[in-house]
C-alpha atoms as a PDB file:
ATOM      1  CA  UNK A   1      63.138 -38.188  67.356  1.00  0.00           C
ATOM      2  CA  UNK A   2      61.246 -41.463  67.529  1.00  0.00           C
ATOM      3  CA  UNK A   3      58.042 -42.029  65.439  1.00  0.00           C
ATOM      4  CA  UNK A   4      55.943 -42.312  68.560  1.00  0.00           C
ATOM      5  CA  UNK A   5      57.270 -38.926  69.986  1.00  0.00           C
ATOM      6  CA  UNK A   6      56.803 -37.290  66.499  1.00  0.00           C
ATOM      7  CA  UNK A   7      53.181 -38.606  66.233  1.00  0.00           C
ATOM      8  CA  UNK A   8      52.458 -37.198  69.689  1.00  0.00           C
ATOM      9  CA  UNK A   9      54.001 -33.688  68.821  1.00  0.00           C
ATOM     10  CA  UNK A  10      51.948 -33.691  65.579  1.00  0.00           C
ATOM     11  CA  UNK A  11      48.739 -34.543  67.401  1.00  0.00           C
ATOM     12  CA  UNK A  12      49.340 -31.640  69.899  1.00  0.00           C
ATOM     13  CA  UNK A  13      50.024 -29.206  67.108  1.00  0.00           C
ATOM     14  CA  UNK A  14      46.853 -30.179  65.301  1.00  0.00           C
ATOM     15  CA  UNK A  15      44.783 -29.887  68.465  1.00  0.00           C
ATOM     16  CA  UNK A  16      46.163 -26.470  69.070  1.00  0.00           C
ATOM     17  CA  UNK A  17      45.300 -25.351  65.590  1.00  0.00           C
ATOM     18  CA  UNK A  18      41.780 -26.670  65.900  1.00  0.00           C
ATOM     19  CA  UNK A  19      41.351 -24.881  69.106  1.00  0.00           C
ATOM     20  CA  UNK A  20      42.623 -21.560  67.769  1.00  0.00           C
ATOM     21  CA  UNK A  21      40.354 -21.870  64.756  1.00  0.00           C
ATOM     22  CA  UNK A  22      37.401 -22.581  66.903  1.00  0.00           C
ATOM     23  CA  UNK A  23      38.163 -19.427  69.038  1.00  0.00           C
ATOM     24  CA  UNK A  24      38.426 -17.339  65.974  1.00  0.00           C
ATOM     25  CA  UNK A  25      35.086 -18.676  64.698  1.00  0.00           C
ATOM     26  CA  UNK A  26      33.536 -17.342  67.910  1.00  0.00           C
ATOM     27  CA  UNK A  27      35.164 -14.073  67.967  1.00  0.00           C
ATOM     28  CA  UNK A  28      32.873 -11.015  68.190  1.00  0.00           C
ATOM     29  CA  UNK A  29      32.954  -8.934  64.999  1.00  0.00           C
ATOM     30  CA  UNK A  30      31.124  -6.022  66.765  1.00  0.00           C
ATOM     31  CA  UNK A  31      28.800  -3.270  65.334  1.00  0.00           C
ATOM     32  CA  UNK A  32      29.742  -0.056  63.859  1.00  0.00           C
ATOM     33  CA  UNK A  33      28.488   3.158  65.367  1.00  0.00           C
ATOM     34  CA  UNK A  34      29.448   6.699  66.490  1.00  0.00           C
ATOM     35  CA  UNK A  35      29.464   9.149  69.431  1.00  0.00           C
ATOM     36  CA  UNK A  36      26.716  11.767  69.589  1.00  0.00           C
ATOM     37  CA  UNK A  37      25.675  14.270  72.307  1.00  0.00           C
ATOM     38  CA  UNK A  38      22.507  16.096  73.309  1.00  0.00           C
ATOM     39  CA  UNK A  39      23.753  19.707  73.488  1.00  0.00           C
ATOM     40  CA  UNK A  40      22.259  22.523  75.625  1.00  0.00           C
ATOM     41  CA  UNK A  41      21.829  25.787  73.740  1.00  0.00           C
ATOM     42  CA  UNK A  42      21.977  28.992  75.632  1.00  0.00           C
ATOM     43  CA  UNK A  43      20.146  31.937  73.812  1.00  0.00           C
ATOM     44  CA  UNK A  44      18.671  35.419  74.742  1.00  0.00           C
ATOM     45  CA  UNK A  45      14.962  36.075  74.832  1.00  0.00           C
ATOM     46  CA  UNK A  46      15.302  39.099  72.531  1.00  0.00           C
ATOM     47  CA  UNK A  47      17.751  40.181  69.813  1.00  0.00           C
ATOM     48  CA  UNK A  48      20.691  42.209  70.643  1.00  0.00           C
ATOM     49  CA  UNK A  49      24.425  42.825  70.338  1.00  0.00           C
ATOM     50  CA  UNK A  50      26.820  40.566  72.288  1.00  0.00           C
ATOM     51  CA  UNK A  51      28.750  42.965  74.611  1.00  0.00           C
ATOM     52  CA  UNK A  52      30.714  40.542  76.540  1.00  0.00           C
ATOM     53  CA  UNK A  53      31.783  36.820  76.134  1.00  0.00           C
ATOM     54  CA  UNK A  54      33.260  35.304  79.176  1.00  0.00           C
ATOM     55  CA  UNK A  55      34.206  31.876  77.826  1.00  0.00           C
ATOM     56  CA  UNK A  56      35.973  30.147  74.957  1.00  0.00           C
ATOM     57  CA  UNK A  57      35.261  26.750  73.206  1.00  0.00           C
ATOM     58  CA  UNK A  58      36.467  23.967  75.272  1.00  0.00           C
ATOM     59  CA  UNK A  59      36.119  25.784  78.672  1.00  0.00           C
ATOM     60  CA  UNK A  60      34.569  23.907  81.409  1.00  0.00           C
ATOM     61  CA  UNK A  61      31.660  25.768  83.031  1.00  0.00           C
ATOM     62  CA  UNK A  62      29.613  25.399  86.233  1.00  0.00           C
ATOM     63  CA  UNK A  63      25.906  25.754  86.557  1.00  0.00           C
ATOM     64  CA  UNK A  64      24.989  29.383  87.135  1.00  0.00           C
ATOM     65  CA  UNK A  65      28.140  30.792  85.756  1.00  0.00           C
ATOM     66  CA  UNK A  66      27.788  33.903  83.558  1.00  0.00           C
ATOM     67  CA  UNK A  67      28.512  33.160  79.969  1.00  0.00           C
ATOM     68  CA  UNK A  68      27.824  36.289  78.073  1.00  0.00           C
ATOM     69  CA  UNK A  69      26.022  39.647  78.016  1.00  0.00           C
ATOM     70  CA  UNK A  70      23.834  41.210  75.401  1.00  0.00           C
ATOM     71  CA  UNK A  71      23.286  45.032  75.176  1.00  0.00           C
ATOM     72  CA  UNK A  72      20.398  46.155  77.422  1.00  0.00           C
ATOM     73  CA  UNK A  73      19.720  49.832  76.461  1.00  0.00           C
ATOM     74  CA  UNK A  74      16.091  49.158  75.339  1.00  0.00           C
ATOM     75  CA  UNK A  75      15.256  46.944  78.357  1.00  0.00           C
ATOM     76  CA  UNK A  76      16.671  49.582  80.732  1.00  0.00           C
ATOM     77  CA  UNK A  77      14.618  52.238  79.112  1.00  0.00           C
ATOM     78  CA  UNK A  78      11.506  50.136  79.394  1.00  0.00           C
ATOM     79  CA  UNK A  79      12.139  49.517  83.135  1.00  0.00           C
ATOM     80  CA  UNK A  80      12.597  53.300  83.665  1.00  0.00           C
ATOM     81  CA  UNK A  81       9.437  54.024  81.928  1.00  0.00           C
ATOM     82  CA  UNK A  82       7.550  51.400  84.009  1.00  0.00           C
ATOM     83  CA  UNK A  83       9.043  52.636  87.178  1.00  0.00           C
ATOM     84  CA  UNK A  84       7.719  56.055  86.420  1.00  0.00           C
ATOM     85  CA  UNK A  85       4.295  54.527  85.840  1.00  0.00           C
ATOM     86  CA  UNK A  86       4.501  52.707  89.016  1.00  0.00           C
ATOM     87  CA  UNK A  87       5.381  55.811  91.030  1.00  0.00           C
ATOM     88  CA  UNK A  88       2.294  57.663  89.542  1.00  0.00           C
ATOM     89  CA  UNK A  89       0.082  54.517  90.354  1.00  0.00           C
ATOM     90  CA  UNK A  90       1.285  54.611  93.997  1.00  0.00           C
ATOM     91  CA  UNK A  91       0.614  58.434  94.343  1.00  0.00           C
ATOM     92  CA  UNK A  92      -2.964  57.617  92.918  1.00  0.00           C
ATOM     93  CA  UNK A  93      -3.492  54.770  95.269  1.00  0.00           C
ATOM     94  CA  UNK A  94      -2.285  56.868  98.305  1.00  0.00           C
ATOM     95  CA  UNK A  95      -4.923  59.595  97.463  1.00  0.00           C
ATOM     96  CA  UNK A  96      -7.704  57.300  96.914  1.00  0.00           C
ATOM     97  CA  UNK A  97      -6.962  55.411 100.091  1.00  0.00           C
ATOM     98  CA  UNK A  98      -6.720  58.602 102.055  1.00  0.00           C
ATOM     99  CA  UNK A  99     -10.059  59.856 100.587  1.00  0.00           C
ATOM    100  CA  UNK A 100     -11.681  56.603 101.293  1.00  0.00           C
ATOM    101  CA  UNK A 101     -10.741  56.777 105.015  1.00  0.00           C
ATOM    102  CA  UNK A 102     -12.338  60.300 105.286  1.00  0.00           C
ATOM    103  CA  UNK A 103     -15.383  59.250 103.431  1.00  0.00           C
ATOM    104  CA  UNK A 104     -14.698  61.798 100.664  1.00  0.00           C
ATOM    105  CA  UNK A 105     -13.741  59.074  98.128  1.00  0.00           C
ATOM    106  CA  UNK A 106     -15.828  56.146  96.687  1.00  0.00           C
ATOM    107  CA  UNK A 107     -14.987  52.489  96.841  1.00  0.00           C
ATOM    108  CA  UNK A 108     -15.012  52.402  93.042  1.00  0.00           C
ATOM    109  CA  UNK A 109     -12.119  54.869  92.842  1.00  0.00           C
ATOM    110  CA  UNK A 110     -10.061  52.915  95.439  1.00  0.00           C
ATOM    111  CA  UNK A 111     -10.706  49.714  93.671  1.00  0.00           C
ATOM    112  CA  UNK A 112      -9.513  51.316  90.414  1.00  0.00           C
ATOM    113  CA  UNK A 113      -6.463  52.673  92.060  1.00  0.00           C
ATOM    114  CA  UNK A 114      -5.621  49.303  93.500  1.00  0.00           C
ATOM    115  CA  UNK A 115      -5.973  47.702  90.158  1.00  0.00           C
ATOM    116  CA  UNK A 116      -3.736  50.261  88.423  1.00  0.00           C
ATOM    117  CA  UNK A 117      -1.139  49.783  91.159  1.00  0.00           C
ATOM    118  CA  UNK A 118      -1.015  45.983  90.603  1.00  0.00           C
ATOM    119  CA  UNK A 119      -0.740  46.436  86.852  1.00  0.00           C
ATOM    120  CA  UNK A 120       2.033  48.800  87.243  1.00  0.00           C
ATOM    121  CA  UNK A 121       3.938  46.516  89.591  1.00  0.00           C
ATOM    122  CA  UNK A 122       3.506  43.660  87.295  1.00  0.00           C
ATOM    123  CA  UNK A 123       4.953  45.725  84.337  1.00  0.00           C
ATOM    124  CA  UNK A 124       8.057  46.596  86.535  1.00  0.00           C
ATOM    125  CA  UNK A 125       8.529  42.895  87.350  1.00  0.00           C
ATOM    126  CA  UNK A 126       8.385  42.020  83.638  1.00  0.00           C
ATOM    127  CA  UNK A 127      10.885  44.753  82.761  1.00  0.00           C
ATOM    128  CA  UNK A 128      13.236  43.553  85.502  1.00  0.00           C
ATOM    129  CA  UNK A 129      13.110  40.116  84.169  1.00  0.00           C
ATOM    130  CA  UNK A 130      13.807  41.193  80.633  1.00  0.00           C
ATOM    131  CA  UNK A 131      16.780  43.216  81.880  1.00  0.00           C
ATOM    132  CA  UNK A 132      18.140  40.431  83.972  1.00  0.00           C
ATOM    133  CA  UNK A 133      17.918  37.965  81.035  1.00  0.00           C
ATOM    134  CA  UNK A 134      20.299  40.136  78.909  1.00  0.00           C
ATOM    135  CA  UNK A 135      22.942  38.181  80.883  1.00  0.00           C
ATOM    136  CA  UNK A 136      23.352  34.568  79.806  1.00  0.00           C
ATOM    137  CA  UNK A 137      24.081  31.996  82.527  1.00  0.00           C
ATOM    138  CA  UNK A 138      24.979  28.273  82.254  1.00  0.00           C
ATOM    139  CA  UNK A 139      21.841  26.287  82.919  1.00  0.00           C
ATOM    140  CA  UNK A 140      24.033  23.107  83.557  1.00  0.00           C
ATOM    141  CA  UNK A 141      27.631  22.134  84.123  1.00  0.00           C
ATOM    142  CA  UNK A 142      29.577  21.084  81.099  1.00  0.00           C
ATOM    143  CA  UNK A 143      32.028  21.883  78.352  1.00  0.00           C
ATOM    144  CA  UNK A 144      31.508  24.871  75.925  1.00  0.00           C
ATOM    145  CA  UNK A 145      31.293  22.930  72.745  1.00  0.00           C
ATOM    146  CA  UNK A 146      30.717  25.842  70.165  1.00  0.00           C
ATOM    147  CA  UNK A 147      30.234  29.528  70.091  1.00  0.00           C
ATOM    148  CA  UNK A 148      27.943  30.911  67.375  1.00  0.00           C
ATOM    149  CA  UNK A 149      28.096  34.703  68.181  1.00  0.00           C
ATOM    150  CA  UNK A 150      31.006  36.683  69.433  1.00  0.00           C
ATOM    151  CA  UNK A 151      31.551  40.258  70.938  1.00  0.00           C
ATOM    152  CA  UNK A 152      30.057  42.870  68.561  1.00  0.00           C
ATOM    153  CA  UNK A 153      27.851  40.487  66.614  1.00  0.00           C
ATOM    154  CA  UNK A 154      24.116  40.806  66.711  1.00  0.00           C
ATOM    155  CA  UNK A 155      22.329  37.632  67.910  1.00  0.00           C
ATOM    156  CA  UNK A 156      18.562  37.252  66.783  1.00  0.00           C
ATOM    157  CA  UNK A 157      16.062  36.353  69.487  1.00  0.00           C
ATOM    158  CA  UNK A 158      15.978  32.760  70.560  1.00  0.00           C
ATOM    159  CA  UNK A 159      19.111  32.025  68.536  1.00  0.00           C
ATOM    160  CA  UNK A 160      21.903  30.334  70.662  1.00  0.00           C
ATOM    161  CA  UNK A 161      24.987  32.282  71.406  1.00  0.00           C
ATOM    162  CA  UNK A 162      26.748  29.061  72.422  1.00  0.00           C
ATOM    163  CA  UNK A 163      26.236  25.424  73.219  1.00  0.00           C
ATOM    164  CA  UNK A 164      27.242  23.338  76.198  1.00  0.00           C
ATOM    165  CA  UNK A 165      27.781  19.692  76.356  1.00  0.00           C
ATOM    166  CA  UNK A 166      27.075  18.148  79.742  1.00  0.00           C
ATOM    167  CA  UNK A 167      29.073  14.773  80.267  1.00  0.00           C
ATOM    168  CA  UNK A 168      25.802  12.811  81.013  1.00  0.00           C
ATOM    169  CA  UNK A 169      24.424  13.830  77.587  1.00  0.00           C
ATOM    170  CA  UNK A 170      26.907  11.920  75.580  1.00  0.00           C
ATOM    171  CA  UNK A 171      25.643   8.704  74.023  1.00  0.00           C
ATOM    172  CA  UNK A 172      26.633   5.900  71.675  1.00  0.00           C
ATOM    173  CA  UNK A 173      24.493   5.196  68.566  1.00  0.00           C
ATOM    174  CA  UNK A 174      24.894   1.853  66.810  1.00  0.00           C
ATOM    175  CA  UNK A 175      22.715  -0.494  64.704  1.00  0.00           C
ATOM    176  CA  UNK A 176      22.002  -4.169  65.003  1.00  0.00           C
ATOM    177  CA  UNK A 177      20.063  -6.693  62.847  1.00  0.00           C
ATOM    178  CA  UNK A 178      16.915  -8.199  63.959  1.00  0.00           C
ATOM    179  CA  UNK A 179      18.638 -11.593  64.744  1.00  0.00           C
ATOM    180  CA  UNK A 180      20.719  -9.861  67.440  1.00  0.00           C
ATOM    181  CA  UNK A 181      17.874  -8.090  69.207  1.00  0.00           C
ATOM    182  CA  UNK A 182      16.950 -11.102  71.556  1.00  0.00           C
ATOM    183  CA  UNK A 183      20.464 -10.700  72.919  1.00  0.00           C
ATOM    184  CA  UNK A 184      19.829  -7.156  74.148  1.00  0.00           C
ATOM    185  CA  UNK A 185      17.916  -5.551  76.929  1.00  0.00           C
ATOM    186  CA  UNK A 186      17.627  -2.063  78.561  1.00  0.00           C
ATOM    187  CA  UNK A 187      20.458  -1.931  81.199  1.00  0.00           C
ATOM    188  CA  UNK A 188      22.801  -4.325  79.426  1.00  0.00           C
ATOM    189  CA  UNK A 189      26.480  -3.483  79.412  1.00  0.00           C
ATOM    190  CA  UNK A 190      28.429  -3.453  76.147  1.00  0.00           C
ATOM    191  CA  UNK A 191      32.058  -2.990  75.350  1.00  0.00           C
ATOM    192  CA  UNK A 192      33.331   0.042  73.344  1.00  0.00           C
ATOM    193  CA  UNK A 193      36.343   0.135  71.110  1.00  0.00           C
ATOM    194  CA  UNK A 194      37.948   2.838  69.010  1.00  0.00           C
ATOM    195  CA  UNK A 195      41.275   3.927  67.588  1.00  0.00           C
ATOM    196  CA  UNK A 196      43.824   4.706  70.360  1.00  0.00           C
ATOM    197  CA  UNK A 197      41.103   4.442  73.095  1.00  0.00           C
ATOM    198  CA  UNK A 198      41.431   2.796  76.464  1.00  0.00           C
ATOM    199  CA  UNK A 199      40.893  -0.890  76.397  1.00  0.00           C
ATOM    200  CA  UNK A 200      38.244  -1.006  79.229  1.00  0.00           C
ATOM    201  CA  UNK A 201      35.678   1.315  77.848  1.00  0.00           C
ATOM    202  CA  UNK A 202      32.058   0.190  78.449  1.00  0.00           C
ATOM    203  CA  UNK A 203      28.504   1.648  77.971  1.00  0.00           C
ATOM    204  CA  UNK A 204      25.125   0.699  79.268  1.00  0.00           C
ATOM    205  CA  UNK A 205      22.107   0.425  76.808  1.00  0.00           C
ATOM    206  CA  UNK A 206      19.143   2.886  77.630  1.00  0.00           C
ATOM    207  CA  UNK A 207      17.221   2.776  74.341  1.00  0.00           C
ATOM    208  CA  UNK A 208      16.260   0.067  71.748  1.00  0.00           C
ATOM    209  CA  UNK A 209      14.203   1.089  68.738  1.00  0.00           C
ATOM    210  CA  UNK A 210      10.980  -0.684  68.139  1.00  0.00           C
ATOM    211  CA  UNK A 211      10.976  -0.149  64.458  1.00  0.00           C
ATOM    212  CA  UNK A 212      13.546  -1.132  61.785  1.00  0.00           C
ATOM    213  CA  UNK A 213      15.379   1.157  59.389  1.00  0.00           C
ATOM    214  CA  UNK A 214      17.842   0.888  56.683  1.00  0.00           C
ATOM    215  CA  UNK A 215      21.673   0.957  57.533  1.00  0.00           C
ATOM    216  CA  UNK A 216      22.469   4.732  57.748  1.00  0.00           C
ATOM    217  CA  UNK A 217      25.025   5.989  55.242  1.00  0.00           C
ATOM    218  CA  UNK A 218      27.621   6.820  57.837  1.00  0.00           C
ATOM    219  CA  UNK A 219      28.275   3.102  58.304  1.00  0.00           C
ATOM    220  CA  UNK A 220      27.493   1.806  54.808  1.00  0.00           C
ATOM    221  CA  UNK A 221      29.627  -0.977  53.388  1.00  0.00           C
ATOM    222  CA  UNK A 222      29.259  -3.472  50.492  1.00  0.00           C
ATOM    223  CA  UNK A 223      28.058  -6.118  52.955  1.00  0.00           C
ATOM    224  CA  UNK A 224      25.730  -3.869  55.139  1.00  0.00           C
ATOM    225  CA  UNK A 225      24.043  -1.789  52.294  1.00  0.00           C
ATOM    226  CA  UNK A 226      20.246  -2.029  52.308  1.00  0.00           C
ATOM    227  CA  UNK A 227      20.096  -4.083  55.522  1.00  0.00           C
ATOM    228  CA  UNK A 228      17.244  -3.425  57.862  1.00  0.00           C
ATOM    229  CA  UNK A 229      18.717  -2.745  61.360  1.00  0.00           C
ATOM    230  CA  UNK A 230      17.557  -1.404  64.721  1.00  0.00           C
ATOM    231  CA  UNK A 231      18.872   1.670  66.472  1.00  0.00           C
ATOM    232  CA  UNK A 232      20.504   1.103  69.864  1.00  0.00           C
ATOM    233  CA  UNK A 233      21.617   3.878  72.181  1.00  0.00           C
ATOM    234  CA  UNK A 234      23.719   3.598  75.234  1.00  0.00           C
ATOM    235  CA  UNK A 235      25.504   5.873  77.851  1.00  0.00           C
ATOM    236  CA  UNK A 236      29.279   5.513  78.227  1.00  0.00           C
ATOM    237  CA  UNK A 237      30.722   4.848  81.653  1.00  0.00           C
ATOM    238  CA  UNK A 238      33.595   7.217  80.909  1.00  0.00           C
ATOM    239  CA  UNK A 239      32.328  10.050  78.672  1.00  0.00           C
ATOM    240  CA  UNK A 240      35.504  12.044  78.972  1.00  0.00           C
ATOM    241  CA  UNK A 241      37.433   9.319  77.079  1.00  0.00           C
ATOM    242  CA  UNK A 242      35.302   9.911  73.901  1.00  0.00           C
ATOM    243  CA  UNK A 243      34.631  12.643  71.516  1.00  0.00           C
ATOM    244  CA  UNK A 244      31.545  13.768  69.548  1.00  0.00           C
ATOM    245  CA  UNK A 245      31.456  12.398  66.017  1.00  0.00           C
ATOM    246  CA  UNK A 246      34.116   9.578  66.882  1.00  0.00           C
ATOM    247  CA  UNK A 247      33.479   6.218  65.035  1.00  0.00           C
ATOM    248  CA  UNK A 248      33.353   3.256  67.368  1.00  0.00           C
ATOM    249  CA  UNK A 249      32.813  -0.480  67.481  1.00  0.00           C
ATOM    250  CA  UNK A 250      30.447  -1.896  69.905  1.00  0.00           C
ATOM    251  CA  UNK A 251      30.702  -5.423  71.234  1.00  0.00           C
ATOM    252  CA  UNK A 252      27.559  -6.983  72.948  1.00  0.00           C
ATOM    253  CA  UNK A 253      29.483  -9.426  75.161  1.00  0.00           C
ATOM    254  CA  UNK A 254      32.147  -7.745  77.117  1.00  0.00           C
ATOM    255  CA  UNK A 255      33.961 -10.965  77.736  1.00  0.00           C
ATOM    256  CA  UNK A 256      33.991 -12.297  74.152  1.00  0.00           C
ATOM    257  CA  UNK A 257      37.339 -11.840  72.221  1.00  0.00           C
ATOM    258  CA  UNK A 258      37.356  -9.258  69.533  1.00  0.00           C
ATOM    259  CA  UNK A 259      37.767 -10.321  65.911  1.00  0.00           C
ATOM    260  CA  UNK A 260      40.919  -9.138  64.218  1.00  0.00           C
ATOM    261  CA  UNK A 261      40.478  -6.268  61.865  1.00  0.00           C
ATOM    262  CA  UNK A 262      41.002  -7.071  58.139  1.00  0.00           C
END
């Protein structure tokens, strides 16, 4: 090999090394975060014993699908009683109306009968609603995330029997320092990375906090401890590819190379 050719090769290697070093200096280190979801909790209005459970954890449900049933003995008895009261109110109204037509009754008696009939009808409607709500139906489509009460167990009033996670309610939460805020805006797309995840995951920012907070304990490190950061939330483009609680890395520029992990 001639000296001239050796010198050209050495220059080429040096240039390549400098280029790679420059690229590494500009690689995106990313920001640490995790996956959360806003659950929909389905609960009865009144306490009772779960008599039927139609779903299991992980099941996909459609909006309006029946999920569970709670015993309705008390509600059925209340409806029967109000139906009897309504029947008596109707008889009283019929008599008052008949007497009013013949002139033997007063307008006051007819008005009282009408009022009593309306009250009785309202009580029946309330009882029917209470009875119907002993069956729990899915308010949205999604995945049954967790079941809190099973058949035979007594659920208190307003306590959820189960929770549903709609795909659109999944979100990414990550934190960035103040120096990075000018690079972000509502609607921006970010790249998402996690262990064994698809390489093309993205998310769209929909929330940027206006006040700073200390780095949360879940992403503490020796370098990040006690730093003031801002919460950012984004909706994933493919929520089915992520899991609640999963740790992730978020990269602000989808086209910037990712820094190698140490």
